Amino acid sequence: MTSRRDFLATGGAALGALAVGPRLLEASPVTGYPAPPRLPALYTDAATRELMMEALDAAKRAGASWADVRISRNRNNSVQTREKQVTDVVDADTMGCGVRVLVDGCWGFAATQELSKAGVGVAAQEAVAIAKANRLARDRRVELAPAPAQVDKTWRSAYTIDPFTIAIEEKADLLLRANAAALTVPTVRFVNSGLSFVKEERNYANTDGTVTTQDYVRSWVTMSCTAVAPDRSGTAVRGPEVVQPAGRGWEYVLEADIVNNAKVWAGEAAEKLTAKPVEPGRYDLILHPSQLFLTIHESVAHATELDRAMGYEANYAGTSFVAPPEKVLGTLKFGSPIMQVIGNRSEVGALATIGYDDDGVVPEDFPIIKDGIFVDYQTNREQAPWLREYYAKTGKPVRSHGCSYAQSWADVAFLRMPNVSLQPGDKDLGWDDLIAATDKGIAMIGRASYSIDQQRYNAQFGAQLCYEIRKGKIVGQVKDAAYQMRTPDFWNTLDMLGGKKSYMFGGTFNDGKGQPGQSNAVSHGCPPARFKNANIINTGRAL
């Protein structure tokens, strides 16, 4: 943990602007660069531990029956460029303490940047006062599912080179060289590119006896290539999500090899410029993981958040067609029998992966959809007891799946999405195998515009690149293609899955939820998949 002295010497506040992206690279070793220095050992420093214990004691003295405290440092860094220019550099750094308490079954929360015993003590007292005030509006008493204490545990995400040790000049030089490579492709006139990084040093303690320290880094590369017709009659864009964001470091950026790949992405934009409009109708639809992850995110992952299904997010994020729990758990036919979806925070390099959640729980891998049947929701310690009857009937313990998350020390923890991943099929098929098995189809790569209703039931998705398939072969790009779906109908048409060799992650840095709003980062693993007889529309047609 960065010391209070170090932090106060450098100062900090504010925050950075971040976003989303497709295509996760394999974790191959980086060559041609010196070996990174060994990362320092992780531990809870004495000063931080002392402050956390002071906050918990102050909460108990003020009347809390349970409390937890988070002291963290949150850093954001981004560099943005356009053609030959650096257009923006953002560096944000903030550090503080958040205290959450339970009083008579009601939550209270307060945060402070005053990292002294007096400062965290006042925050704890304010949290208790807020909890007491909240008793007037209590609709149900908060009961926490049991969780064993995690004493002096540490965890670090899967990075080897800290991107915050890399100079801004080096980051900008990489982007400008990639821009220059993209601009060598005829008709490509505009290129935007960016690098964004987040680093969180997270310390947590609760009155159960848990004390954890975690070090988390995530990285994201974007590039948008715009081709312009010689007669200026049209434009076509590839990007900006050409490389998937990941819970890794600078080594991941180097593995992306954006200077060489920039020509490929620019070439795809140039090809798209001359693509014919798609003929609307029914096609077998093959989705690449860089597109499918978003469909999973919107139609499966959000739909299976328990707080949303119970109506607690109705005023902002929406509700869910996967409700009420007593009528859908174990019975709703969500998809075809080959559909297996798990929630987890354990997949290496995925964005929601963590050692310990913000309830102090070790997250577990759990099935959400098994053989096409919906079998469980995402839960935290507060919400797991709401499913006590179902768990008793199915012989499962009442325990949190480890989905508690807070955006920073200044935000209250609540249920956020883990990695929700569609499992690969039994046969080790790849993208080309699915294409070869399709007589008349459309193949889509990369996320683009989409729309979905507040119950996650009716939706429409586009893609960055769309290809027509005839008799097992791709015959060329088409443009203005999108597919329409009703969630369970669509997933019940799933008839082919890629295997382990084609399993990839897609993800987002900014998934919004809650009031006040918070963003979390999440990945969705999946192989390419085929959906029979999908409804393809042409979004470019005028009525």
Foldseek 3Di string as FASTA:
>chain_A
DPDPVNDVVVDFDDDDDDKFFFDADDPDFFPPDDFFDFDDDDFDDPLNVVLQVLLQVLLVVLAFPKKKKKWKKKWKWKWKAKQQGTDDIDIGIAIWMKMWTAHQQFIFIFIDRPSDSVGSSVRSNRRNVVRVVCVVVDPDRFDFADFAAAAGEEEEAAERHAQVVDDPVVQVVQVNLLSVLLVVDPQFDMKMKMKMKMWMFMWMDMPSNHTYTYIWMKIAIFMKIKGAPPVRPDIAIFIRRPYFIWRYHPSSVSVVVSNVCSNVSSVLRVQARPAAADDFFWFKEWEAQQAVFVLCVLQPQVQQAQCQCVPVQCVPLFHAPCDDVVPAAPNPQQAAQQWWKKFWLPDHTWFQNDQAANVRHGADIGTQAHRRGGHHGQFARRCLVVCVVVCVVVVHGSHHNRQWHAQHSRGDIDGDGGAMETAFGPDQAAPLVVLQVGAWHKYAHHFDDKDADRRSFKIKTDHSWMFTGHNSDTPGTHPQKMFIGGRSVFRHQWDHFHHPVQKDKHWIQADWGDVVIDGGIGIYIGGITIGGTTGMDRRPDDD
